[in-house]
Amino acid sequence: MSKNDNFFDKVYEVARNIPYGRVTTYGAIAKYLGAATSARMVGWAMNASHYDDSVPAHRVVNRMGMLTGKHHFDGTNLMQQLLENEGITIKDSKINNFDSVFWEPS
């Protein structure tokens, strides 16, 4: 097991705790794990998680609430559809009222 695998597992553990109807950011997860400069690595972990249905990768967005990872999901708009199914409103690939649905890992 490489160091990345261990980090990815920690990222997945945090992501599994994101409540239904809420989102967090790559940076918030990285900061929570004590690796504040590793937001991009969190993104890589989310991209690699598509083989594990227990990781709600659709609930992880960039710091502005943009669905920057949407091209890693199957289908045309799957990430957006999954979030909208949880009651989150999105316009132009950006979460409306981002602050009200943001979840801080703690």
C-alpha atoms as a PDB file:
ATOM      1  CA  MET A   1       0.000   0.000   0.000  1.00  0.00           C
ATOM      2  CA  SER A   2       1.427   3.369  -0.987  1.00  0.00           C
ATOM      3  CA  LYS A   3       1.214   6.609   0.962  1.00  0.00           C
ATOM      4  CA  ASN A   4      -1.390   7.833  -1.558  1.00  0.00           C
ATOM      5  CA  ASP A   5      -3.637   4.839  -0.907  1.00  0.00           C
ATOM      6  CA  ASN A   6      -3.633   5.618   2.814  1.00  0.00           C
ATOM      7  CA  PHE A   7      -4.415   9.302   2.151  1.00  0.00           C
ATOM      8  CA  PHE A   8      -7.173   8.344  -0.285  1.00  0.00           C
ATOM      9  CA  ASP A   9      -8.713   6.029   2.340  1.00  0.00           C
ATOM     10  CA  LYS A  10      -8.754   8.912   4.839  1.00  0.00           C
ATOM     11  CA  VAL A  11     -10.383  11.173   2.225  1.00  0.00           C
ATOM     12  CA  TYR A  12     -13.055   8.524   1.568  1.00  0.00           C
ATOM     13  CA  GLU A  13     -13.742   8.192   5.288  1.00  0.00           C
ATOM     14  CA  VAL A  14     -14.399  11.949   5.534  1.00  0.00           C
ATOM     15  CA  ALA A  15     -16.498  11.992   2.344  1.00  0.00           C
ATOM     16  CA  ARG A  16     -18.717   9.186   3.646  1.00  0.00           C
ATOM     17  CA  ASN A  17     -19.660  11.486   6.541  1.00  0.00           C
ATOM     18  CA  ILE A  18     -20.957  14.343   4.368  1.00  0.00           C
ATOM     19  CA  PRO A  19     -24.651  14.556   5.213  1.00  0.00           C
ATOM     20  CA  TYR A  20     -27.326  14.047   2.564  1.00  0.00           C
ATOM     21  CA  GLY A  21     -28.212  17.395   0.988  1.00  0.00           C
ATOM     22  CA  ARG A  22     -24.907  19.008   1.974  1.00  0.00           C
ATOM     23  CA  VAL A  23     -21.547  19.510   0.262  1.00  0.00           C
ATOM     24  CA  THR A  24     -17.971  20.180   1.251  1.00  0.00           C
ATOM     25  CA  THR A  25     -14.850  21.209  -0.628  1.00  0.00           C
ATOM     26  CA  TYR A  26     -11.617  19.539  -1.639  1.00  0.00           C
ATOM     27  CA  GLY A  27      -9.774  22.082   0.503  1.00  0.00           C
ATOM     28  CA  ALA A  28     -11.952  21.560   3.576  1.00  0.00           C
ATOM     29  CA  ILE A  29     -11.253  17.829   3.477  1.00  0.00           C
ATOM     30  CA  ALA A  30      -7.520  18.428   2.977  1.00  0.00           C
ATOM     31  CA  LYS A  31      -7.426  20.902   5.869  1.00  0.00           C
ATOM     32  CA  TYR A  32      -9.339  18.518   8.134  1.00  0.00           C
ATOM     33  CA  LEU A  33      -6.787  15.790   7.360  1.00  0.00           C
ATOM     34  CA  GLY A  34      -3.912  18.112   8.283  1.00  0.00           C
ATOM     35  CA  ALA A  35      -2.786  18.510   4.688  1.00  0.00           C
ATOM     36  CA  ALA A  36      -4.160  21.971   3.884  1.00  0.00           C
ATOM     37  CA  THR A  37      -2.163  22.274   0.657  1.00  0.00           C
ATOM     38  CA  SER A  38      -3.407  18.943  -0.711  1.00  0.00           C
ATOM     39  CA  ALA A  39      -6.811  19.937  -2.126  1.00  0.00           C
ATOM     40  CA  ARG A  40      -5.748  18.696  -5.558  1.00  0.00           C
ATOM     41  CA  MET A  41      -4.874  15.305  -4.082  1.00  0.00           C
ATOM     42  CA  VAL A  42      -8.349  15.156  -2.552  1.00  0.00           C
ATOM     43  CA  GLY A  43      -9.652  15.745  -6.078  1.00  0.00           C
ATOM     44  CA  TRP A  44      -7.582  12.852  -7.361  1.00  0.00           C
ATOM     45  CA  ALA A  45      -9.001  10.684  -4.593  1.00  0.00           C
ATOM     46  CA  MET A  46     -12.554  11.670  -5.560  1.00  0.00           C
ATOM     47  CA  ASN A  47     -11.815  10.838  -9.195  1.00  0.00           C
ATOM     48  CA  ALA A  48     -10.427   7.440  -8.178  1.00  0.00           C
ATOM     49  CA  SER A  49     -13.459   6.722  -5.967  1.00  0.00           C
ATOM     50  CA  HIS A  50     -15.866   6.034  -8.818  1.00  0.00           C
ATOM     51  CA  TYR A  51     -15.355   2.309  -8.302  1.00  0.00           C
ATOM     52  CA  ASP A  52     -16.676   2.555  -4.745  1.00  0.00           C
ATOM     53  CA  ASP A  53     -20.371   3.455  -4.513  1.00  0.00           C
ATOM     54  CA  SER A  54     -20.039   4.105  -0.782  1.00  0.00           C
ATOM     55  CA  VAL A  55     -18.106   7.349  -1.453  1.00  0.00           C
ATOM     56  CA  PRO A  56     -20.470  10.253  -2.280  1.00  0.00           C
ATOM     57  CA  ALA A  57     -17.946  12.053  -4.509  1.00  0.00           C
ATOM     58  CA  HIS A  58     -20.736  14.201  -5.975  1.00  0.00           C
ATOM     59  CA  ARG A  59     -20.890  16.054  -2.635  1.00  0.00           C
ATOM     60  CA  VAL A  60     -17.338  17.401  -2.988  1.00  0.00           C
ATOM     61  CA  VAL A  61     -16.951  20.633  -4.967  1.00  0.00           C
ATOM     62  CA  ASN A  62     -14.446  23.462  -5.296  1.00  0.00           C
ATOM     63  CA  ARG A  63     -14.199  26.342  -2.824  1.00  0.00           C
ATOM     64  CA  MET A  64     -16.560  28.498  -4.894  1.00  0.00           C
ATOM     65  CA  GLY A  65     -19.266  25.816  -5.074  1.00  0.00           C
ATOM     66  CA  MET A  66     -18.488  24.929  -8.684  1.00  0.00           C
ATOM     67  CA  LEU A  67     -19.009  21.351  -9.880  1.00  0.00           C
ATOM     68  CA  THR A  68     -15.430  21.128 -11.153  1.00  0.00           C
ATOM     69  CA  GLY A  69     -15.381  17.323 -10.934  1.00  0.00           C
ATOM     70  CA  LYS A  70     -18.497  16.808 -13.039  1.00  0.00           C
ATOM     71  CA  HIS A  71     -16.605  15.596 -16.103  1.00  0.00           C
ATOM     72  CA  HIS A  72     -15.440  12.560 -14.083  1.00  0.00           C
ATOM     73  CA  PHE A  73     -19.017  11.290 -13.717  1.00  0.00           C
ATOM     74  CA  ASP A  74     -20.778   9.099 -16.263  1.00  0.00           C
ATOM     75  CA  GLY A  75     -23.517  10.721 -18.284  1.00  0.00           C
ATOM     76  CA  THR A  76     -24.010  14.308 -19.293  1.00  0.00           C
ATOM     77  CA  ASN A  77     -24.929  15.878 -15.958  1.00  0.00           C
ATOM     78  CA  LEU A  78     -24.823  13.069 -13.391  1.00  0.00           C
ATOM     79  CA  MET A  79     -23.070  15.033 -10.644  1.00  0.00           C
ATOM     80  CA  GLN A  80     -25.598  17.848 -10.928  1.00  0.00           C
ATOM     81  CA  GLN A  81     -28.517  15.421 -11.064  1.00  0.00           C
ATOM     82  CA  LEU A  82     -27.345  13.619  -7.922  1.00  0.00           C
ATOM     83  CA  LEU A  83     -27.046  16.915  -6.035  1.00  0.00           C
ATOM     84  CA  GLU A  84     -30.409  18.163  -7.294  1.00  0.00           C
ATOM     85  CA  ASN A  85     -31.988  14.874  -6.158  1.00  0.00           C
ATOM     86  CA  GLU A  86     -30.768  15.813  -2.665  1.00  0.00           C
ATOM     87  CA  GLY A  87     -32.470  19.224  -2.872  1.00  0.00           C
ATOM     88  CA  ILE A  88     -29.428  21.309  -3.837  1.00  0.00           C
ATOM     89  CA  THR A  89     -30.088  23.929  -6.504  1.00  0.00           C
ATOM     90  CA  ILE A  90     -27.499  24.534  -9.202  1.00  0.00           C
ATOM     91  CA  LYS A  91     -27.203  27.103 -11.952  1.00  0.00           C
ATOM     92  CA  ASP A  92     -24.429  27.190 -14.555  1.00  0.00           C
ATOM     93  CA  SER A  93     -22.557  24.384 -12.758  1.00  0.00           C
ATOM     94  CA  LYS A  94     -22.485  26.369  -9.499  1.00  0.00           C
ATOM     95  CA  ILE A  95     -24.362  25.628  -6.268  1.00  0.00           C
ATOM     96  CA  ASN A  96     -26.888  28.315  -5.337  1.00  0.00           C
ATOM     97  CA  ASN A  97     -26.704  29.419  -1.690  1.00  0.00           C
ATOM     98  CA  PHE A  98     -23.444  27.527  -1.312  1.00  0.00           C
ATOM     99  CA  ASP A  99     -22.874  28.759   2.251  1.00  0.00           C
ATOM    100  CA  SER A 100     -26.197  27.295   3.397  1.00  0.00           C
ATOM    101  CA  VAL A 101     -25.381  23.757   2.180  1.00  0.00           C
ATOM    102  CA  PHE A 102     -21.653  23.771   2.985  1.00  0.00           C
ATOM    103  CA  TRP A 103     -20.594  21.140   5.528  1.00  0.00           C
ATOM    104  CA  GLU A 104     -17.367  21.607   7.485  1.00  0.00           C
ATOM    105  CA  PRO A 105     -15.645  18.337   8.393  1.00  0.00           C
ATOM    106  CA  SER A 106     -15.031  18.220  12.133  1.00  0.00           C
END
